[in-house]
Amino acid sequence: MCVKITSVAKQLPKYTRKTSEIIPFIKHWMQDQDTRYQRKVIKLFENAGVDKRYSIMDAEEVFMNTTFEEKNNIYTREVTKIAEQALLKSLAKAQLQPTDIDYIITVSCTGIMIPSLDAYLINSLQMKQDIVRLPVTEMGCAAGVSGIIYAKNFLKENPNKRAVVIAVESPTATFQLDDFSMTNIVSAAIFGDGAASVILSSYENEKGPKIIDESMYHFYDATYMMGFKLVNTGLQMILDKEVPQKISDHFPKIVFPFLERNNLKIDDVDHLVFHPGGKKIVQTVEDLFGVLGKNIDDTKEVLRLYGNMSSATVLYVLERFMDRNPAEGEIGLMLSFGPGFSAQQILLEW
């Protein structure tokens, strides 16, 4: 059974600020910290490779002493809106109606909703009453790829069906006002909010790149490297400085065997759809792919324009390739890393 990606659409929240406009807020927030540390933090923001980012709340709200409950209420209200807008855009691109979807997967790790987001979308858009639901909550940055893998596995067993994967994140809602650690600061410097929606189909006559193969690679003894810790003030970021080196060390075991089992080499890959985890991770992967004659220019551009939006970000990169209509037969490799620690990848053929 051939499963294709038929459309991808993004949706940004209503608030946006350039990094230069956020720095005054950072200076005020850090006014009681060591002067040298303040300079280090400002330099980090200026050199993070993110020109601006979008948010479900304005900067003043982010730096208010709001409780976990208050921020999560904003998360629940606002991500529902942008998720619905992203879904409607992807349906319009594919010339479909909400009732044409048979399987809905929603992914997010930056807030807590029970019922999950998909339930709200089913109600607001009057989707099928027998639609199959799957909320994915704890896969972090890798969940955009994970969701596509789960949708593909459903569709390959069910001909003439369609699935949608909706990734929506607000790392802004996890900012810790009383945490002046470098982890919290790096998170604030590289992350932004956003949503994206991907429609997949097992109809033979529908167009789009087909999913040739998928893979998950799990790193042993690396659960400490990335994720969130639930504290009284919300979700506190965990981001170990070893992540770029760990990716570099494992890269040959992740990419090359995956391509080899599909009788491909890196030279055969035309498009690298890589998740922009942050400047250091992007530089690491760029160095690895660069010596192989490949570039990740679209990954860098998405990071610059929007920041890292966790699970949704790789879908922003995918949309750029989809909108260019690559030539028939061209090969794409999607790759994301997330908590666990894990790498998740998909092989596409246009």
C-alpha atoms as a PDB file:
ATOM      1  CA  MET A   1       0.000   0.000   0.000  1.00  0.00           C
ATOM      2  CA  CYS A   2       1.454   3.367  -1.086  1.00  0.00           C
ATOM      3  CA  VAL A   3       1.084   6.181   1.456  1.00  0.00           C
ATOM      4  CA  LYS A   4       1.657   9.768   0.333  1.00  0.00           C
ATOM      5  CA  ILE A   5       1.941  13.158   1.976  1.00  0.00           C
ATOM      6  CA  THR A   6      -0.573  15.284   0.097  1.00  0.00           C
ATOM      7  CA  SER A   7      -0.324  18.660   1.837  1.00  0.00           C
ATOM      8  CA  VAL A   8       1.486  20.590   4.571  1.00  0.00           C
ATOM      9  CA  ALA A   9       0.453  23.933   6.052  1.00  0.00           C
ATOM     10  CA  LYS A  10       1.761  26.061   8.914  1.00  0.00           C
ATOM     11  CA  GLN A  11       0.052  28.513  11.244  1.00  0.00           C
ATOM     12  CA  LEU A  12       1.826  31.096  13.386  1.00  0.00           C
ATOM     13  CA  PRO A  13       0.478  32.720  16.566  1.00  0.00           C
ATOM     14  CA  LYS A  14      -0.531  36.356  16.544  1.00  0.00           C
ATOM     15  CA  TYR A  15       2.361  37.782  18.589  1.00  0.00           C
ATOM     16  CA  THR A  16       5.834  38.227  17.137  1.00  0.00           C
ATOM     17  CA  ARG A  17       8.967  40.100  18.093  1.00  0.00           C
ATOM     18  CA  LYS A  18      12.448  40.369  16.649  1.00  0.00           C
ATOM     19  CA  THR A  19      15.269  39.162  18.863  1.00  0.00           C
ATOM     20  CA  SER A  20      16.496  42.756  19.135  1.00  0.00           C
ATOM     21  CA  GLU A  21      13.096  43.680  20.601  1.00  0.00           C
ATOM     22  CA  ILE A  22      13.230  40.865  23.164  1.00  0.00           C
ATOM     23  CA  ILE A  23      16.678  41.734  24.514  1.00  0.00           C
ATOM     24  CA  PRO A  24      15.414  44.754  26.566  1.00  0.00           C
ATOM     25  CA  PHE A  25      13.016  42.382  28.353  1.00  0.00           C
ATOM     26  CA  ILE A  26      15.911  39.991  29.010  1.00  0.00           C
ATOM     27  CA  LYS A  27      18.032  42.828  30.425  1.00  0.00           C
ATOM     28  CA  HIS A  28      15.253  43.887  32.779  1.00  0.00           C
ATOM     29  CA  TRP A  29      14.617  40.286  33.840  1.00  0.00           C
ATOM     30  CA  MET A  30      18.324  39.759  34.612  1.00  0.00           C
ATOM     31  CA  GLN A  31      19.021  43.116  36.228  1.00  0.00           C
ATOM     32  CA  ASP A  32      20.030  41.579  39.569  1.00  0.00           C
ATOM     33  CA  GLN A  33      22.346  38.967  38.047  1.00  0.00           C
ATOM     34  CA  ASP A  34      26.130  39.190  37.693  1.00  0.00           C
ATOM     35  CA  THR A  35      27.091  41.746  35.035  1.00  0.00           C
ATOM     36  CA  ARG A  36      29.386  39.362  33.150  1.00  0.00           C
ATOM     37  CA  TYR A  37      26.667  36.714  33.102  1.00  0.00           C
ATOM     38  CA  GLN A  38      24.220  39.283  31.722  1.00  0.00           C
ATOM     39  CA  ARG A  39      26.615  40.101  28.856  1.00  0.00           C
ATOM     40  CA  LYS A  40      27.054  36.398  28.132  1.00  0.00           C
ATOM     41  CA  VAL A  41      23.295  35.895  27.955  1.00  0.00           C
ATOM     42  CA  ILE A  42      22.726  38.876  25.653  1.00  0.00           C
ATOM     43  CA  LYS A  43      25.473  37.642  23.345  1.00  0.00           C
ATOM     44  CA  LEU A  44      23.856  34.210  23.327  1.00  0.00           C
ATOM     45  CA  PHE A  45      20.521  35.694  22.190  1.00  0.00           C
ATOM     46  CA  GLU A  46      22.229  37.787  19.521  1.00  0.00           C
ATOM     47  CA  ASN A  47      24.147  34.798  18.125  1.00  0.00           C
ATOM     48  CA  ALA A  48      21.442  32.122  18.391  1.00  0.00           C
ATOM     49  CA  GLY A  49      20.627  32.201  14.671  1.00  0.00           C
ATOM     50  CA  VAL A  50      17.037  33.288  15.375  1.00  0.00           C
ATOM     51  CA  ASP A  51      16.036  36.695  13.986  1.00  0.00           C
ATOM     52  CA  LYS A  52      12.528  36.622  15.424  1.00  0.00           C
ATOM     53  CA  ARG A  53      10.021  34.255  16.943  1.00  0.00           C
ATOM     54  CA  TYR A  54       6.254  33.985  17.342  1.00  0.00           C
ATOM     55  CA  SER A  55       4.319  33.420  20.539  1.00  0.00           C
ATOM     56  CA  ILE A  56       0.837  32.698  21.845  1.00  0.00           C
ATOM     57  CA  MET A  57       1.389  35.493  24.390  1.00  0.00           C
ATOM     58  CA  ASP A  58       3.036  38.881  24.175  1.00  0.00           C
ATOM     59  CA  ALA A  59       6.454  39.477  25.734  1.00  0.00           C
ATOM     60  CA  GLU A  60       4.936  41.335  28.690  1.00  0.00           C
ATOM     61  CA  GLU A  61       2.855  38.252  29.540  1.00  0.00           C
ATOM     62  CA  VAL A  62       5.864  35.937  29.236  1.00  0.00           C
ATOM     63  CA  PHE A  63       7.774  37.942  31.821  1.00  0.00           C
ATOM     64  CA  MET A  64       4.873  38.262  34.246  1.00  0.00           C
ATOM     65  CA  ASN A  65       4.932  36.070  37.342  1.00  0.00           C
ATOM     66  CA  THR A  66       2.105  33.870  36.082  1.00  0.00           C
ATOM     67  CA  THR A  67       1.407  30.484  37.607  1.00  0.00           C
ATOM     68  CA  PHE A  68       1.574  27.154  35.815  1.00  0.00           C
ATOM     69  CA  GLU A  69      -2.229  27.119  35.798  1.00  0.00           C
ATOM     70  CA  GLU A  70      -2.436  30.553  34.178  1.00  0.00           C
ATOM     71  CA  LYS A  71       0.121  29.742  31.470  1.00  0.00           C
ATOM     72  CA  ASN A  72      -1.440  26.367  30.761  1.00  0.00           C
ATOM     73  CA  ASN A  73      -4.859  27.995  30.414  1.00  0.00           C
ATOM     74  CA  ILE A  74      -3.374  30.344  27.797  1.00  0.00           C
ATOM     75  CA  TYR A  75      -1.758  27.345  26.108  1.00  0.00           C
ATOM     76  CA  THR A  76      -5.059  25.441  25.981  1.00  0.00           C
ATOM     77  CA  ARG A  77      -6.980  28.395  24.563  1.00  0.00           C
ATOM     78  CA  GLU A  78      -4.452  29.567  21.998  1.00  0.00           C
ATOM     79  CA  VAL A  79      -3.009  26.308  20.638  1.00  0.00           C
ATOM     80  CA  THR A  80      -6.545  25.119  19.907  1.00  0.00           C
ATOM     81  CA  LYS A  81      -6.996  28.166  17.677  1.00  0.00           C
ATOM     82  CA  ILE A  82      -3.775  27.860  15.707  1.00  0.00           C
ATOM     83  CA  ALA A  83      -4.099  24.085  15.395  1.00  0.00           C
ATOM     84  CA  GLU A  84      -7.540  24.501  13.816  1.00  0.00           C
ATOM     85  CA  GLN A  85      -6.238  27.187  11.453  1.00  0.00           C
ATOM     86  CA  ALA A  86      -3.324  24.968  10.388  1.00  0.00           C
ATOM     87  CA  LEU A  87      -5.670  22.022   9.810  1.00  0.00           C
ATOM     88  CA  LEU A  88      -8.048  24.109   7.696  1.00  0.00           C
ATOM     89  CA  LYS A  89      -5.142  25.417   5.591  1.00  0.00           C
ATOM     90  CA  SER A  90      -3.859  21.904   4.912  1.00  0.00           C
ATOM     91  CA  LEU A  91      -7.365  20.739   3.995  1.00  0.00           C
ATOM     92  CA  ALA A  92      -7.733  23.657   1.587  1.00  0.00           C
ATOM     93  CA  LYS A  93      -4.407  22.838  -0.067  1.00  0.00           C
ATOM     94  CA  ALA A  94      -5.570  19.248  -0.596  1.00  0.00           C
ATOM     95  CA  GLN A  95      -9.080  20.373  -1.631  1.00  0.00           C
ATOM     96  CA  LEU A  96     -10.649  18.361   1.190  1.00  0.00           C
ATOM     97  CA  GLN A  97     -13.282  18.837   3.880  1.00  0.00           C
ATOM     98  CA  PRO A  98     -12.900  18.020   7.612  1.00  0.00           C
ATOM     99  CA  THR A  99     -15.159  14.983   7.103  1.00  0.00           C
ATOM    100  CA  ASP A 100     -12.653  13.539   4.609  1.00  0.00           C
ATOM    101  CA  ILE A 101     -10.227  12.686   7.429  1.00  0.00           C
ATOM    102  CA  ASP A 102     -10.327   9.177   8.929  1.00  0.00           C
ATOM    103  CA  TYR A 103      -7.476   9.378  11.438  1.00  0.00           C
ATOM    104  CA  ILE A 104      -6.312  12.356  13.499  1.00  0.00           C
ATOM    105  CA  ILE A 105      -2.999  12.549  15.356  1.00  0.00           C
ATOM    106  CA  THR A 106      -2.166  15.572  17.491  1.00  0.00           C
ATOM    107  CA  VAL A 107       1.319  16.090  18.902  1.00  0.00           C
ATOM    108  CA  SER A 108       2.464  18.542  21.563  1.00  0.00           C
ATOM    109  CA  CYS A 109       4.757  18.508  24.606  1.00  0.00           C
ATOM    110  CA  THR A 110       4.571  22.092  25.907  1.00  0.00           C
ATOM    111  CA  GLY A 111       1.236  22.012  27.739  1.00  0.00           C
ATOM    112  CA  ILE A 112      -1.325  19.662  29.213  1.00  0.00           C
ATOM    113  CA  MET A 113      -4.844  19.122  27.850  1.00  0.00           C
ATOM    114  CA  ILE A 114      -7.340  16.419  28.851  1.00  0.00           C
ATOM    115  CA  PRO A 115      -9.396  15.898  26.715  1.00  0.00           C
ATOM    116  CA  SER A 116      -6.588  16.223  24.191  1.00  0.00           C
ATOM    117  CA  LEU A 117      -6.502  18.743  21.362  1.00  0.00           C
ATOM    118  CA  ASP A 118      -7.968  16.350  18.795  1.00  0.00           C
ATOM    119  CA  ALA A 119     -11.249  16.135  20.708  1.00  0.00           C
ATOM    120  CA  TYR A 120     -11.726  19.898  20.452  1.00  0.00           C
ATOM    121  CA  LEU A 121     -10.961  19.876  16.725  1.00  0.00           C
ATOM    122  CA  ILE A 122     -13.409  17.045  16.075  1.00  0.00           C
ATOM    123  CA  ASN A 123     -16.141  19.056  17.787  1.00  0.00           C
ATOM    124  CA  SER A 124     -15.391  22.480  16.315  1.00  0.00           C
ATOM    125  CA  LEU A 125     -15.043  21.184  12.742  1.00  0.00           C
ATOM    126  CA  GLN A 126     -17.710  18.466  12.998  1.00  0.00           C
ATOM    127  CA  MET A 127     -15.314  15.777  11.801  1.00  0.00           C
ATOM    128  CA  LYS A 128     -16.403  12.137  11.448  1.00  0.00           C
ATOM    129  CA  GLN A 129     -17.899  10.652  14.591  1.00  0.00           C
ATOM    130  CA  ASP A 130     -15.997   7.401  13.967  1.00  0.00           C
ATOM    131  CA  ILE A 131     -12.658   9.116  13.347  1.00  0.00           C
ATOM    132  CA  VAL A 132      -9.675   7.373  14.978  1.00  0.00           C
ATOM    133  CA  ARG A 133      -7.764   9.536  17.482  1.00  0.00           C
ATOM    134  CA  LEU A 134      -4.169   9.442  18.711  1.00  0.00           C
ATOM    135  CA  PRO A 135      -2.724  12.195  20.913  1.00  0.00           C
ATOM    136  CA  VAL A 136       1.080  12.085  21.239  1.00  0.00           C
ATOM    137  CA  THR A 137       2.404  14.088  24.173  1.00  0.00           C
ATOM    138  CA  GLU A 138       5.906  13.106  25.244  1.00  0.00           C
ATOM    139  CA  MET A 139       8.046  12.776  22.105  1.00  0.00           C
ATOM    140  CA  GLY A 140       9.296  16.385  22.085  1.00  0.00           C
ATOM    141  CA  CYS A 141      11.016  17.697  18.969  1.00  0.00           C
ATOM    142  CA  ALA A 142      10.841  14.293  17.269  1.00  0.00           C
ATOM    143  CA  ALA A 143       7.046  14.084  17.419  1.00  0.00           C
ATOM    144  CA  GLY A 144       6.406  15.710  14.043  1.00  0.00           C
ATOM    145  CA  VAL A 145       8.202  12.819  12.383  1.00  0.00           C
ATOM    146  CA  SER A 146       6.758  10.310  14.880  1.00  0.00           C
ATOM    147  CA  GLY A 147       3.234  11.406  14.026  1.00  0.00           C
ATOM    148  CA  ILE A 148       3.849  10.888  10.317  1.00  0.00           C
ATOM    149  CA  ILE A 149       5.241   7.411  11.030  1.00  0.00           C
ATOM    150  CA  TYR A 150       2.159   6.478  13.081  1.00  0.00           C
ATOM    151  CA  ALA A 151      -0.158   7.842  10.383  1.00  0.00           C
ATOM    152  CA  LYS A 152       1.699   5.951   7.666  1.00  0.00           C
ATOM    153  CA  ASN A 153       1.446   2.668   9.588  1.00  0.00           C
ATOM    154  CA  PHE A 154      -2.320   3.144   9.942  1.00  0.00           C
ATOM    155  CA  LEU A 155      -2.814   4.030   6.283  1.00  0.00           C
ATOM    156  CA  LYS A 156      -0.706   1.227   4.837  1.00  0.00           C
ATOM    157  CA  GLU A 157      -3.191  -1.231   6.374  1.00  0.00           C
ATOM    158  CA  ASN A 158      -6.240   0.786   5.325  1.00  0.00           C
ATOM    159  CA  PRO A 159      -6.678   1.615   1.623  1.00  0.00           C
ATOM    160  CA  ASN A 160      -8.606   4.715   0.581  1.00  0.00           C
ATOM    161  CA  LYS A 161      -8.234   6.501   3.899  1.00  0.00           C
ATOM    162  CA  ARG A 162      -6.720   9.814   4.965  1.00  0.00           C
ATOM    163  CA  ALA A 163      -4.911  10.905   8.101  1.00  0.00           C
ATOM    164  CA  VAL A 164      -3.848  14.236   9.499  1.00  0.00           C
ATOM    165  CA  VAL A 165      -0.958  14.991  11.828  1.00  0.00           C
ATOM    166  CA  ILE A 166      -1.218  18.300  13.670  1.00  0.00           C
ATOM    167  CA  ALA A 167       1.813  19.498  15.631  1.00  0.00           C
ATOM    168  CA  VAL A 168       1.305  22.522  17.864  1.00  0.00           C
ATOM    169  CA  GLU A 169       3.736  23.837  20.438  1.00  0.00           C
ATOM    170  CA  SER A 170       4.287  26.763  22.790  1.00  0.00           C
ATOM    171  CA  PRO A 171       7.750  26.573  24.362  1.00  0.00           C
ATOM    172  CA  THR A 172       7.057  30.162  25.439  1.00  0.00           C
ATOM    173  CA  ALA A 173       4.541  28.780  27.940  1.00  0.00           C
ATOM    174  CA  THR A 174       7.323  26.771  29.607  1.00  0.00           C
ATOM    175  CA  PHE A 175       9.602  29.753  30.326  1.00  0.00           C
ATOM    176  CA  GLN A 176      10.652  29.737  34.001  1.00  0.00           C
ATOM    177  CA  LEU A 177      10.686  33.248  35.442  1.00  0.00           C
ATOM    178  CA  ASP A 178      12.737  32.376  38.536  1.00  0.00           C
ATOM    179  CA  ASP A 179      15.239  30.145  36.761  1.00  0.00           C
ATOM    180  CA  PHE A 180      18.402  31.934  35.635  1.00  0.00           C
ATOM    181  CA  SER A 181      20.177  28.756  34.586  1.00  0.00           C
ATOM    182  CA  MET A 182      21.835  28.533  31.191  1.00  0.00           C
ATOM    183  CA  THR A 183      19.404  25.778  30.178  1.00  0.00           C
ATOM    184  CA  ASN A 184      16.370  28.029  30.707  1.00  0.00           C
ATOM    185  CA  ILE A 185      18.128  30.887  28.916  1.00  0.00           C
ATOM    186  CA  VAL A 186      19.243  28.785  25.917  1.00  0.00           C
ATOM    187  CA  SER A 187      15.680  27.494  25.633  1.00  0.00           C
ATOM    188  CA  ALA A 188      14.323  31.054  25.594  1.00  0.00           C
ATOM    189  CA  ALA A 189      16.914  32.080  22.999  1.00  0.00           C
ATOM    190  CA  ILE A 190      16.197  29.364  20.439  1.00  0.00           C
ATOM    191  CA  PHE A 191      12.535  28.386  20.872  1.00  0.00           C
ATOM    192  CA  GLY A 192       9.334  29.895  19.470  1.00  0.00           C
ATOM    193  CA  ASP A 193       5.669  28.896  19.124  1.00  0.00           C
ATOM    194  CA  GLY A 194       3.850  27.529  16.092  1.00  0.00           C
ATOM    195  CA  ALA A 195       1.597  24.905  14.548  1.00  0.00           C
ATOM    196  CA  ALA A 196       1.627  22.797  11.401  1.00  0.00           C
ATOM    197  CA  SER A 197      -0.696  20.259   9.805  1.00  0.00           C
ATOM    198  CA  VAL A 198       0.190  17.382   7.456  1.00  0.00           C
ATOM    199  CA  ILE A 199      -2.319  15.322   5.474  1.00  0.00           C
ATOM    200  CA  LEU A 200      -1.472  11.796   4.355  1.00  0.00           C
ATOM    201  CA  SER A 201      -3.443   9.543   2.024  1.00  0.00           C
ATOM    202  CA  SER A 202      -3.640   5.918   0.901  1.00  0.00           C
ATOM    203  CA  TYR A 203      -5.748   6.826  -2.160  1.00  0.00           C
ATOM    204  CA  GLU A 204      -3.838   5.758  -5.283  1.00  0.00           C
ATOM    205  CA  ASN A 205      -4.888   8.781  -7.365  1.00  0.00           C
ATOM    206  CA  GLU A 206      -3.827  11.484  -4.854  1.00  0.00           C
ATOM    207  CA  LYS A 207      -0.534  13.279  -5.428  1.00  0.00           C
ATOM    208  CA  GLY A 208       2.419  13.906  -3.181  1.00  0.00           C
ATOM    209  CA  PRO A 209       5.700  12.334  -2.117  1.00  0.00           C
ATOM    210  CA  LYS A 210       5.325   8.710  -1.069  1.00  0.00           C
ATOM    211  CA  ILE A 211       6.807   7.412   2.155  1.00  0.00           C
ATOM    212  CA  ILE A 212       9.306   4.723   1.197  1.00  0.00           C
ATOM    213  CA  ASP A 213      10.524   3.824   4.674  1.00  0.00           C
ATOM    214  CA  GLU A 214      10.775   5.026   8.265  1.00  0.00           C
ATOM    215  CA  SER A 215      13.076   4.376  11.193  1.00  0.00           C
ATOM    216  CA  MET A 216      13.542   5.121  14.880  1.00  0.00           C
ATOM    217  CA  TYR A 217      16.997   4.950  16.469  1.00  0.00           C
ATOM    218  CA  HIS A 218      17.221   4.974  20.264  1.00  0.00           C
ATOM    219  CA  PHE A 219      20.310   6.062  22.187  1.00  0.00           C
ATOM    220  CA  TYR A 220      21.046   4.022  25.311  1.00  0.00           C
ATOM    221  CA  ASP A 221      21.642   5.741  28.660  1.00  0.00           C
ATOM    222  CA  ALA A 222      20.629   9.163  27.349  1.00  0.00           C
ATOM    223  CA  THR A 223      17.277   9.864  29.031  1.00  0.00           C
ATOM    224  CA  TYR A 224      18.891  12.748  30.926  1.00  0.00           C
ATOM    225  CA  MET A 225      19.763  14.695  27.787  1.00  0.00           C
ATOM    226  CA  MET A 226      16.509  16.313  26.699  1.00  0.00           C
ATOM    227  CA  GLY A 227      12.968  16.792  27.964  1.00  0.00           C
ATOM    228  CA  PHE A 228      10.975  18.566  30.666  1.00  0.00           C
ATOM    229  CA  LYS A 229      10.820  18.258  34.428  1.00  0.00           C
ATOM    230  CA  LEU A 230       7.405  18.984  35.915  1.00  0.00           C
ATOM    231  CA  VAL A 231       7.921  21.508  38.740  1.00  0.00           C
ATOM    232  CA  ASN A 232       5.474  23.687  40.670  1.00  0.00           C
ATOM    233  CA  THR A 233       5.953  26.533  38.180  1.00  0.00           C
ATOM    234  CA  GLY A 234       5.381  24.382  35.096  1.00  0.00           C
ATOM    235  CA  LEU A 235       7.477  22.436  32.615  1.00  0.00           C
ATOM    236  CA  GLN A 236      11.173  23.100  33.200  1.00  0.00           C
ATOM    237  CA  MET A 237      13.415  22.498  30.202  1.00  0.00           C
ATOM    238  CA  ILE A 238      16.119  19.816  30.252  1.00  0.00           C
ATOM    239  CA  LEU A 239      18.729  20.307  27.534  1.00  0.00           C
ATOM    240  CA  ASP A 240      22.187  18.801  27.985  1.00  0.00           C
ATOM    241  CA  LYS A 241      25.187  20.459  26.345  1.00  0.00           C
ATOM    242  CA  GLU A 242      26.339  17.016  25.136  1.00  0.00           C
ATOM    243  CA  VAL A 243      23.484  16.754  22.597  1.00  0.00           C
ATOM    244  CA  PRO A 244      25.392  18.012  19.501  1.00  0.00           C
ATOM    245  CA  GLN A 245      28.363  15.715  20.200  1.00  0.00           C
ATOM    246  CA  LYS A 246      26.064  12.755  20.865  1.00  0.00           C
ATOM    247  CA  ILE A 247      24.382  13.328  17.485  1.00  0.00           C
ATOM    248  CA  SER A 248      27.768  13.532  15.787  1.00  0.00           C
ATOM    249  CA  ASP A 249      28.988  10.326  17.423  1.00  0.00           C
ATOM    250  CA  HIS A 250      25.908   8.322  16.418  1.00  0.00           C
ATOM    251  CA  PHE A 251      25.299   9.897  13.007  1.00  0.00           C
ATOM    252  CA  PRO A 252      26.889   7.094  10.928  1.00  0.00           C
ATOM    253  CA  LYS A 253      24.758   4.496  12.744  1.00  0.00           C
ATOM    254  CA  ILE A 254      21.570   6.496  12.175  1.00  0.00           C
ATOM    255  CA  VAL A 255      21.628   7.631   8.550  1.00  0.00           C
ATOM    256  CA  PHE A 256      23.801   5.257   6.539  1.00  0.00           C
ATOM    257  CA  PRO A 257      22.211   1.903   7.518  1.00  0.00           C
ATOM    258  CA  PHE A 258      18.765   3.414   6.916  1.00  0.00           C
ATOM    259  CA  LEU A 259      19.734   4.455   3.390  1.00  0.00           C
ATOM    260  CA  GLU A 260      21.567   1.208   2.690  1.00  0.00           C
ATOM    261  CA  ARG A 261      18.545  -0.941   3.465  1.00  0.00           C
ATOM    262  CA  ASN A 262      16.734   1.031   0.746  1.00  0.00           C
ATOM    263  CA  ASN A 263      19.645   0.557  -1.697  1.00  0.00           C
ATOM    264  CA  LEU A 264      20.544   4.231  -1.485  1.00  0.00           C
ATOM    265  CA  LYS A 265      23.590   6.317  -0.646  1.00  0.00           C
ATOM    266  CA  ILE A 266      23.690   9.889   0.629  1.00  0.00           C
ATOM    267  CA  ASP A 267      24.503  10.985  -2.950  1.00  0.00           C
ATOM    268  CA  ASP A 268      21.041   9.780  -3.967  1.00  0.00           C
ATOM    269  CA  VAL A 269      19.283  12.112  -1.510  1.00  0.00           C
ATOM    270  CA  ASP A 270      18.144  15.345  -3.151  1.00  0.00           C
ATOM    271  CA  HIS A 271      16.456  17.064  -0.201  1.00  0.00           C
ATOM    272  CA  LEU A 272      17.410  17.110   3.488  1.00  0.00           C
ATOM    273  CA  VAL A 273      14.363  17.897   5.627  1.00  0.00           C
ATOM    274  CA  PHE A 274      16.133  18.300   8.953  1.00  0.00           C
ATOM    275  CA  HIS A 275      14.692  19.599  12.222  1.00  0.00           C
ATOM    276  CA  PRO A 276      16.465  22.813  13.342  1.00  0.00           C
ATOM    277  CA  GLY A 277      17.033  22.020  17.013  1.00  0.00           C
ATOM    278  CA  GLY A 278      19.226  25.049  17.606  1.00  0.00           C
ATOM    279  CA  LYS A 279      22.331  26.725  16.208  1.00  0.00           C
ATOM    280  CA  LYS A 280      24.842  24.241  17.664  1.00  0.00           C
ATOM    281  CA  ILE A 281      22.852  21.197  16.560  1.00  0.00           C
ATOM    282  CA  VAL A 282      22.349  22.713  13.111  1.00  0.00           C
ATOM    283  CA  GLN A 283      26.072  23.431  12.808  1.00  0.00           C
ATOM    284  CA  THR A 284      26.884  19.870  13.860  1.00  0.00           C
ATOM    285  CA  VAL A 285      24.558  18.343  11.283  1.00  0.00           C
ATOM    286  CA  GLU A 286      25.641  20.841   8.624  1.00  0.00           C
ATOM    287  CA  ASP A 287      29.249  19.795   9.174  1.00  0.00           C
ATOM    288  CA  LEU A 288      28.284  16.126   8.884  1.00  0.00           C
ATOM    289  CA  PHE A 289      26.251  16.605   5.706  1.00  0.00           C
ATOM    290  CA  GLY A 290      28.544  19.276   4.281  1.00  0.00           C
ATOM    291  CA  VAL A 291      31.473  16.900   3.851  1.00  0.00           C
ATOM    292  CA  LEU A 292      29.035  14.662   1.957  1.00  0.00           C
ATOM    293  CA  GLY A 293      28.210  17.470  -0.479  1.00  0.00           C
ATOM    294  CA  LYS A 294      24.763  18.283   0.968  1.00  0.00           C
ATOM    295  CA  ASN A 295      23.289  21.422   2.512  1.00  0.00           C
ATOM    296  CA  ILE A 296      20.578  22.141   5.056  1.00  0.00           C
ATOM    297  CA  ASP A 297      19.891  25.717   3.972  1.00  0.00           C
ATOM    298  CA  ASP A 298      16.122  25.386   4.468  1.00  0.00           C
ATOM    299  CA  THR A 299      16.657  24.137   8.011  1.00  0.00           C
ATOM    300  CA  LYS A 300      18.788  27.178   8.839  1.00  0.00           C
ATOM    301  CA  GLU A 301      16.249  29.516   7.258  1.00  0.00           C
ATOM    302  CA  VAL A 302      13.353  28.084   9.288  1.00  0.00           C
ATOM    303  CA  LEU A 303      15.403  28.502  12.474  1.00  0.00           C
ATOM    304  CA  ARG A 304      16.191  32.099  11.525  1.00  0.00           C
ATOM    305  CA  LEU A 305      12.597  33.024  10.699  1.00  0.00           C
ATOM    306  CA  TYR A 306      10.721  31.203  13.480  1.00  0.00           C
ATOM    307  CA  GLY A 307      13.082  29.585  15.985  1.00  0.00           C
ATOM    308  CA  ASN A 308      12.714  25.990  17.143  1.00  0.00           C
ATOM    309  CA  MET A 309       8.998  25.208  17.599  1.00  0.00           C
ATOM    310  CA  SER A 310       9.683  21.700  18.903  1.00  0.00           C
ATOM    311  CA  SER A 311       7.617  19.056  17.059  1.00  0.00           C
ATOM    312  CA  ALA A 312       6.172  21.495  14.485  1.00  0.00           C
ATOM    313  CA  THR A 313       9.487  22.831  13.177  1.00  0.00           C
ATOM    314  CA  VAL A 314      10.482  20.008  10.841  1.00  0.00           C
ATOM    315  CA  LEU A 315       7.062  20.327   9.212  1.00  0.00           C
ATOM    316  CA  TYR A 316       7.866  23.967   8.391  1.00  0.00           C
ATOM    317  CA  VAL A 317      10.960  22.700   6.597  1.00  0.00           C
ATOM    318  CA  LEU A 318       8.902  20.034   4.803  1.00  0.00           C
ATOM    319  CA  GLU A 319       6.385  22.651   3.653  1.00  0.00           C
ATOM    320  CA  ARG A 320       9.167  24.615   1.940  1.00  0.00           C
ATOM    321  CA  PHE A 321      10.096  21.567  -0.131  1.00  0.00           C
ATOM    322  CA  MET A 322       6.476  20.613  -0.842  1.00  0.00           C
ATOM    323  CA  ASP A 323       5.691  24.118  -2.111  1.00  0.00           C
ATOM    324  CA  ARG A 324       8.574  23.887  -4.604  1.00  0.00           C
ATOM    325  CA  ASN A 325       7.097  20.772  -6.255  1.00  0.00           C
ATOM    326  CA  PRO A 326      10.295  18.704  -6.539  1.00  0.00           C
ATOM    327  CA  ALA A 327      10.764  16.686  -9.718  1.00  0.00           C
ATOM    328  CA  GLU A 328       9.405  13.174  -9.996  1.00  0.00           C
ATOM    329  CA  GLY A 329      11.809  10.592  -8.611  1.00  0.00           C
ATOM    330  CA  GLU A 330      13.662  12.979  -6.298  1.00  0.00           C
ATOM    331  CA  ILE A 331      14.444  11.646  -2.813  1.00  0.00           C
ATOM    332  CA  GLY A 332      13.984  13.427   0.530  1.00  0.00           C
ATOM    333  CA  LEU A 333      15.248  12.479   3.986  1.00  0.00           C
ATOM    334  CA  MET A 334      13.384  13.795   7.046  1.00  0.00           C
ATOM    335  CA  LEU A 335      15.286  13.643  10.329  1.00  0.00           C
ATOM    336  CA  SER A 336      14.474  14.793  13.867  1.00  0.00           C
ATOM    337  CA  PHE A 337      15.923  14.211  17.333  1.00  0.00           C
ATOM    338  CA  GLY A 338      13.952  14.154  20.565  1.00  0.00           C
ATOM    339  CA  PRO A 339      13.772  13.052  24.203  1.00  0.00           C
ATOM    340  CA  GLY A 340      14.693   9.504  24.925  1.00  0.00           C
ATOM    341  CA  PHE A 341      17.220  10.271  23.388  1.00  0.00           C
ATOM    342  CA  SER A 342      16.130   9.228  19.886  1.00  0.00           C
ATOM    343  CA  ALA A 343      16.464   9.957  16.188  1.00  0.00           C
ATOM    344  CA  GLN A 344      13.458   9.509  13.914  1.00  0.00           C
ATOM    345  CA  GLN A 345      13.616   9.579  10.130  1.00  0.00           C
ATOM    346  CA  ILE A 346      11.469   9.154   7.048  1.00  0.00           C
ATOM    347  CA  LEU A 347      12.484   8.511   3.449  1.00  0.00           C
ATOM    348  CA  LEU A 348      10.365  10.262   0.792  1.00  0.00           C
ATOM    349  CA  GLU A 349      10.148   9.907  -2.969  1.00  0.00           C
ATOM    350  CA  TRP A 350       8.422  12.521  -5.114  1.00  0.00           C
END
